[in-house]
Amino acid sequence: MKAEIGDRLHVHSRTVGTPDQTSEIIEIHGQDGAPPYLVRRDDGHEALVFPGPDATIEHPPGVDEQ
């Protein structure tokens, strides 16, 4: 998993009826875009996240992956 500041971390729900969670990546604490990530959730809460296999990185529109 490789991210850049400004990307969105999308954690897919594992429970029916529970919404997915998306957060903006505001800091990267790993090397070369690797986790852990400091994220800001839509409600303003910030957390240090070590994403699991149920998470994906979404780049802002118009940004090409390398």
PDB file of N, CA and C in Angstrom:
ATOM      1  N   MET A   1       0.856  -1.167   0.000  1.00  0.00           N
ATOM      2  CA  MET A   1       0.000   0.000   0.000  1.00  0.00           C
ATOM      3  C   MET A   1       0.899   1.226   0.000  1.00  0.00           C
ATOM      4  N   LYS A   2       0.603   2.151  -0.916  1.00  0.00           N
ATOM      5  CA  LYS A   2       1.393   3.366  -1.044  1.00  0.00           C
ATOM      6  C   LYS A   2       0.448   4.544  -1.219  1.00  0.00           C
ATOM      7  N   ALA A   3       0.653   5.587  -0.423  1.00  0.00           N
ATOM      8  CA  ALA A   3      -0.227   6.742  -0.472  1.00  0.00           C
ATOM      9  C   ALA A   3       0.580   8.027  -0.497  1.00  0.00           C
ATOM     10  N   GLU A   4      -0.127   9.103  -0.790  1.00  0.00           N
ATOM     11  CA  GLU A   4       0.430  10.444  -0.723  1.00  0.00           C
ATOM     12  C   GLU A   4      -0.515  11.297   0.111  1.00  0.00           C
ATOM     13  N   ILE A   5       0.014  12.363   0.691  1.00  0.00           N
ATOM     14  CA  ILE A   5      -0.827  13.271   1.457  1.00  0.00           C
ATOM     15  C   ILE A   5      -1.921  13.802   0.541  1.00  0.00           C
ATOM     16  N   GLY A   6      -3.143  13.807   1.024  1.00  0.00           N
ATOM     17  CA  GLY A   6      -4.296  14.248   0.248  1.00  0.00           C
ATOM     18  C   GLY A   6      -5.105  13.100  -0.333  1.00  0.00           C
ATOM     19  N   ASP A   7      -4.510  11.896  -0.385  1.00  0.00           N
ATOM     20  CA  ASP A   7      -5.268  10.727  -0.825  1.00  0.00           C
ATOM     21  C   ASP A   7      -6.334  10.402   0.217  1.00  0.00           C
ATOM     22  N   ARG A   8      -7.299   9.578  -0.173  1.00  0.00           N
ATOM     23  CA  ARG A   8      -8.342   9.120   0.745  1.00  0.00           C
ATOM     24  C   ARG A   8      -8.103   7.661   1.083  1.00  0.00           C
ATOM     25  N   LEU A   9      -8.226   7.338   2.350  1.00  0.00           N
ATOM     26  CA  LEU A   9      -8.170   5.949   2.804  1.00  0.00           C
ATOM     27  C   LEU A   9      -9.603   5.464   2.928  1.00  0.00           C
ATOM     28  N   HIS A  10      -9.948   4.422   2.177  1.00  0.00           N
ATOM     29  CA  HIS A  10     -11.306   3.875   2.158  1.00  0.00           C
ATOM     30  C   HIS A  10     -11.262   2.507   2.827  1.00  0.00           C
ATOM     31  N   VAL A  11     -11.888   2.418   3.988  1.00  0.00           N
ATOM     32  CA  VAL A  11     -11.958   1.148   4.720  1.00  0.00           C
ATOM     33  C   VAL A  11     -13.342   0.566   4.473  1.00  0.00           C
ATOM     34  N   HIS A  12     -13.372  -0.584   3.824  1.00  0.00           N
ATOM     35  CA  HIS A  12     -14.631  -1.244   3.474  1.00  0.00           C
ATOM     36  C   HIS A  12     -15.206  -1.953   4.694  1.00  0.00           C
ATOM     37  N   SER A  13     -16.494  -1.770   4.915  1.00  0.00           N
ATOM     38  CA  SER A  13     -17.175  -2.377   6.053  1.00  0.00           C
ATOM     39  C   SER A  13     -17.213  -3.893   5.917  1.00  0.00           C
ATOM     40  N   ARG A  14     -17.065  -4.574   7.033  1.00  0.00           N
ATOM     41  CA  ARG A  14     -17.156  -6.040   7.035  1.00  0.00           C
ATOM     42  C   ARG A  14     -18.495  -6.515   7.577  1.00  0.00           C
ATOM     43  N   THR A  15     -19.362  -5.561   7.939  1.00  0.00           N
ATOM     44  CA  THR A  15     -20.651  -5.898   8.518  1.00  0.00           C
ATOM     45  C   THR A  15     -21.771  -5.314   7.669  1.00  0.00           C
ATOM     46  N   VAL A  16     -22.753  -6.107   7.338  1.00  0.00           N
ATOM     47  CA  VAL A  16     -23.900  -5.640   6.564  1.00  0.00           C
ATOM     48  C   VAL A  16     -24.611  -4.540   7.348  1.00  0.00           C
ATOM     49  N   GLY A  17     -24.915  -3.450   6.658  1.00  0.00           N
ATOM     50  CA  GLY A  17     -25.625  -2.351   7.290  1.00  0.00           C
ATOM     51  C   GLY A  17     -24.714  -1.305   7.913  1.00  0.00           C
ATOM     52  N   THR A  18     -23.422  -1.571   7.982  1.00  0.00           N
ATOM     53  CA  THR A  18     -22.472  -0.608   8.517  1.00  0.00           C
ATOM     54  C   THR A  18     -21.787   0.083   7.340  1.00  0.00           C
ATOM     55  N   PRO A  19     -21.800   1.408   7.313  1.00  0.00           N
ATOM     56  CA  PRO A  19     -21.220   2.099   6.160  1.00  0.00           C
ATOM     57  C   PRO A  19     -19.686   1.991   6.124  1.00  0.00           C
ATOM     58  N   ASP A  20     -19.144   2.097   4.915  1.00  0.00           N
ATOM     59  CA  ASP A  20     -17.698   2.170   4.762  1.00  0.00           C
ATOM     60  C   ASP A  20     -17.209   3.461   5.424  1.00  0.00           C
ATOM     61  N   GLN A  21     -15.920   3.516   5.703  1.00  0.00           N
ATOM     62  CA  GLN A  21     -15.344   4.705   6.317  1.00  0.00           C
ATOM     63  C   GLN A  21     -14.267   5.265   5.397  1.00  0.00           C
ATOM     64  N   THR A  22     -14.341   6.563   5.120  1.00  0.00           N
ATOM     65  CA  THR A  22     -13.308   7.206   4.332  1.00  0.00           C
ATOM     66  C   THR A  22     -12.687   8.333   5.142  1.00  0.00           C
ATOM     67  N   SER A  23     -11.387   8.524   4.949  1.00  0.00           N
ATOM     68  CA  SER A  23     -10.644   9.541   5.676  1.00  0.00           C
ATOM     69  C   SER A  23      -9.603  10.146   4.752  1.00  0.00           C
ATOM     70  N   GLU A  24      -9.238  11.392   5.008  1.00  0.00           N
ATOM     71  CA  GLU A  24      -8.180  12.040   4.255  1.00  0.00           C
ATOM     72  C   GLU A  24      -6.842  11.756   4.931  1.00  0.00           C
ATOM     73  N   ILE A  25      -5.848  11.376   4.151  1.00  0.00           N
ATOM     74  CA  ILE A  25      -4.509  11.136   4.688  1.00  0.00           C
ATOM     75  C   ILE A  25      -3.820  12.486   4.833  1.00  0.00           C
ATOM     76  N   ILE A  26      -3.435  12.836   6.079  1.00  0.00           N
ATOM     77  CA  ILE A  26      -2.809  14.133   6.324  1.00  0.00           C
ATOM     78  C   ILE A  26      -1.323  14.013   6.682  1.00  0.00           C
ATOM     79  N   GLU A  27      -0.874  12.828   7.087  1.00  0.00           N
ATOM     80  CA  GLU A  27       0.545  12.574   7.337  1.00  0.00           C
ATOM     81  C   GLU A  27       0.842  11.120   7.029  1.00  0.00           C
ATOM     82  N   ILE A  28       2.067  10.881   6.556  1.00  0.00           N
ATOM     83  CA  ILE A  28       2.520   9.517   6.284  1.00  0.00           C
ATOM     84  C   ILE A  28       3.719   9.250   7.178  1.00  0.00           C
ATOM     85  N   HIS A  29       3.629   8.209   7.994  1.00  0.00           N
ATOM     86  CA  HIS A  29       4.686   7.914   8.956  1.00  0.00           C
ATOM     87  C   HIS A  29       5.592   6.769   8.525  1.00  0.00           C
ATOM     88  N   GLY A  30       5.250   6.076   7.453  1.00  0.00           N
ATOM     89  CA  GLY A  30       6.084   4.997   6.926  1.00  0.00           C
ATOM     90  C   GLY A  30       7.003   5.523   5.833  1.00  0.00           C
ATOM     91  N   GLN A  31       7.860   4.654   5.331  1.00  0.00           N
ATOM     92  CA  GLN A  31       8.778   5.020   4.260  1.00  0.00           C
ATOM     93  C   GLN A  31       8.115   4.839   2.906  1.00  0.00           C
ATOM     94  N   ASP A  32       8.400   5.756   1.981  1.00  0.00           N
ATOM     95  CA  ASP A  32       7.928   5.666   0.597  1.00  0.00           C
ATOM     96  C   ASP A  32       6.416   5.501   0.481  1.00  0.00           C
ATOM     97  N   GLY A  33       5.656   6.230   1.299  1.00  0.00           N
ATOM     98  CA  GLY A  33       4.203   6.202   1.217  1.00  0.00           C
ATOM     99  C   GLY A  33       3.535   5.046   1.931  1.00  0.00           C
ATOM    100  N   ALA A  34       4.306   4.299   2.721  1.00  0.00           N
ATOM    101  CA  ALA A  34       3.755   3.137   3.433  1.00  0.00           C
ATOM    102  C   ALA A  34       3.118   3.561   4.763  1.00  0.00           C
ATOM    103  N   PRO A  35       2.209   2.735   5.277  1.00  0.00           N
ATOM    104  CA  PRO A  35       1.588   3.017   6.577  1.00  0.00           C
ATOM    105  C   PRO A  35       2.625   2.993   7.693  1.00  0.00           C
ATOM    106  N   PRO A  36       2.271   3.538   8.830  1.00  0.00           N
ATOM    107  CA  PRO A  36       0.960   4.050   9.258  1.00  0.00           C
ATOM    108  C   PRO A  36       0.691   5.446   8.706  1.00  0.00           C
ATOM    109  N   TYR A  37      -0.611   5.793   8.701  1.00  0.00           N
ATOM    110  CA  TYR A  37      -1.069   7.085   8.202  1.00  0.00           C
ATOM    111  C   TYR A  37      -1.820   7.823   9.308  1.00  0.00           C
ATOM    112  N   LEU A  38      -1.585   9.134   9.393  1.00  0.00           N
ATOM    113  CA  LEU A  38      -2.431   9.971  10.234  1.00  0.00           C
ATOM    114  C   LEU A  38      -3.548  10.451   9.323  1.00  0.00           C
ATOM    115  N   VAL A  39      -4.784  10.161   9.699  1.00  0.00           N
ATOM    116  CA  VAL A  39      -5.930  10.494   8.863  1.00  0.00           C
ATOM    117  C   VAL A  39      -6.883  11.412   9.603  1.00  0.00           C
ATOM    118  N   ARG A  40      -7.639  12.181   8.812  1.00  0.00           N
ATOM    119  CA  ARG A  40      -8.709  13.019   9.365  1.00  0.00           C
ATOM    120  C   ARG A  40     -10.013  12.501   8.801  1.00  0.00           C
ATOM    121  N   ARG A  41     -10.883  12.082   9.698  1.00  0.00           N
ATOM    122  CA  ARG A  41     -12.186  11.568   9.283  1.00  0.00           C
ATOM    123  C   ARG A  41     -13.118  12.724   8.958  1.00  0.00           C
ATOM    124  N   ASP A  42     -14.226  12.406   8.344  1.00  0.00           N
ATOM    125  CA  ASP A  42     -15.174  13.438   7.918  1.00  0.00           C
ATOM    126  C   ASP A  42     -15.730  14.249   9.084  1.00  0.00           C
ATOM    127  N   ASP A  43     -15.742  13.664  10.285  1.00  0.00           N
ATOM    128  CA  ASP A  43     -16.242  14.392  11.458  1.00  0.00           C
ATOM    129  C   ASP A  43     -15.153  15.230  12.132  1.00  0.00           C
ATOM    130  N   GLY A  44     -13.932  15.260  11.542  1.00  0.00           N
ATOM    131  CA  GLY A  44     -12.831  16.050  12.081  1.00  0.00           C
ATOM    132  C   GLY A  44     -11.906  15.293  13.004  1.00  0.00           C
ATOM    133  N   HIS A  45     -12.293  14.096  13.417  1.00  0.00           N
ATOM    134  CA  HIS A  45     -11.479  13.272  14.304  1.00  0.00           C
ATOM    135  C   HIS A  45     -10.214  12.833  13.568  1.00  0.00           C
ATOM    136  N   GLU A  46      -9.064  12.888  14.243  1.00  0.00           N
ATOM    137  CA  GLU A  46      -7.810  12.433  13.660  1.00  0.00           C
ATOM    138  C   GLU A  46      -7.341  11.171  14.373  1.00  0.00           C
ATOM    139  N   ALA A  47      -6.746  10.253  13.604  1.00  0.00           N
ATOM    140  CA  ALA A  47      -6.290   8.983  14.175  1.00  0.00           C
ATOM    141  C   ALA A  47      -5.095   8.460  13.383  1.00  0.00           C
ATOM    142  N   LEU A  48      -4.213   7.745  14.070  1.00  0.00           N
ATOM    143  CA  LEU A  48      -3.113   7.047  13.429  1.00  0.00           C
ATOM    144  C   LEU A  48      -3.631   5.669  13.042  1.00  0.00           C
ATOM    145  N   VAL A  49      -3.515   5.323  11.744  1.00  0.00           N
ATOM    146  CA  VAL A  49      -4.148   4.115  11.227  1.00  0.00           C
ATOM    147  C   VAL A  49      -3.102   3.206  10.579  1.00  0.00           C
ATOM    148  N   PHE A  50      -3.191   1.940  10.899  1.00  0.00           N
ATOM    149  CA  PHE A  50      -2.437   0.877  10.243  1.00  0.00           C
ATOM    150  C   PHE A  50      -3.454   0.078   9.431  1.00  0.00           C
ATOM    151  N   PRO A  51      -3.694   0.445   8.158  1.00  0.00           N
ATOM    152  CA  PRO A  51      -4.780  -0.178   7.397  1.00  0.00           C
ATOM    153  C   PRO A  51      -4.573  -1.671   7.166  1.00  0.00           C
ATOM    154  N   GLY A  52      -5.669  -2.401   7.190  1.00  0.00           N
ATOM    155  CA  GLY A  52      -5.656  -3.836   6.941  1.00  0.00           C
ATOM    156  C   GLY A  52      -6.024  -4.146   5.501  1.00  0.00           C
ATOM    157  N   PRO A  53      -6.280  -5.418   5.216  1.00  0.00           N
ATOM    158  CA  PRO A  53      -6.591  -5.827   3.840  1.00  0.00           C
ATOM    159  C   PRO A  53      -7.951  -5.338   3.340  1.00  0.00           C
ATOM    160  N   ASP A  54      -8.768  -4.796   4.235  1.00  0.00           N
ATOM    161  CA  ASP A  54     -10.073  -4.286   3.836  1.00  0.00           C
ATOM    162  C   ASP A  54     -10.027  -2.806   3.456  1.00  0.00           C
ATOM    163  N   ALA A  55      -8.815  -2.244   3.310  1.00  0.00           N
ATOM    164  CA  ALA A  55      -8.658  -0.829   2.999  1.00  0.00           C
ATOM    165  C   ALA A  55      -8.017  -0.635   1.625  1.00  0.00           C
ATOM    166  N   THR A  56      -8.406   0.462   0.974  1.00  0.00           N
ATOM    167  CA  THR A  56      -7.808   0.840  -0.303  1.00  0.00           C
ATOM    168  C   THR A  56      -7.472   2.322  -0.265  1.00  0.00           C
ATOM    169  N   ILE A  57      -6.540   2.720  -1.128  1.00  0.00           N
ATOM    170  CA  ILE A  57      -6.167   4.120  -1.275  1.00  0.00           C
ATOM    171  C   ILE A  57      -6.857   4.665  -2.510  1.00  0.00           C
ATOM    172  N   GLU A  58      -7.466   5.835  -2.374  1.00  0.00           N
ATOM    173  CA  GLU A  58      -8.121   6.496  -3.505  1.00  0.00           C
ATOM    174  C   GLU A  58      -7.417   7.827  -3.735  1.00  0.00           C
ATOM    175  N   HIS A  59      -6.918   8.011  -4.954  1.00  0.00           N
ATOM    176  CA  HIS A  59      -6.243   9.252  -5.310  1.00  0.00           C
ATOM    177  C   HIS A  59      -7.282  10.286  -5.721  1.00  0.00           C
ATOM    178  N   PRO A  60      -6.988  11.573  -5.486  1.00  0.00           N
ATOM    179  CA  PRO A  60      -7.941  12.607  -5.920  1.00  0.00           C
ATOM    180  C   PRO A  60      -8.166  12.543  -7.427  1.00  0.00           C
ATOM    181  N   PRO A  61      -9.346  12.959  -7.888  1.00  0.00           N
ATOM    182  CA  PRO A  61      -9.611  12.949  -9.336  1.00  0.00           C
ATOM    183  C   PRO A  61      -8.555  13.762 -10.082  1.00  0.00           C
ATOM    184  N   GLY A  62      -8.129  13.239 -11.221  1.00  0.00           N
ATOM    185  CA  GLY A  62      -7.139  13.926 -12.032  1.00  0.00           C
ATOM    186  C   GLY A  62      -5.701  13.594 -11.695  1.00  0.00           C
ATOM    187  N   VAL A  63      -5.487  12.764 -10.679  1.00  0.00           N
ATOM    188  CA  VAL A  63      -4.125  12.363 -10.296  1.00  0.00           C
ATOM    189  C   VAL A  63      -3.898  10.966 -10.817  1.00  0.00           C
ATOM    190  N   ASP A  64      -2.865  10.794 -11.625  1.00  0.00           N
ATOM    191  CA  ASP A  64      -2.543   9.487 -12.179  1.00  0.00           C
ATOM    192  C   ASP A  64      -1.692   8.692 -11.211  1.00  0.00           C
ATOM    193  N   GLU A  65      -1.942   7.373 -11.159  1.00  0.00           N
ATOM    194  CA  GLU A  65      -1.078   6.480 -10.361  1.00  0.00           C
ATOM    195  C   GLU A  65       0.212   6.268 -11.107  1.00  0.00           C
ATOM    196  N   GLN A  66       1.283   6.065 -10.356  1.00  0.00           N
ATOM    197  CA  GLN A  66       2.588   5.807 -10.963  1.00  0.00           C
ATOM    198  C   GLN A  66       2.863   4.361 -11.046  1.00  0.00           C
TER     199      GLN A  66
END
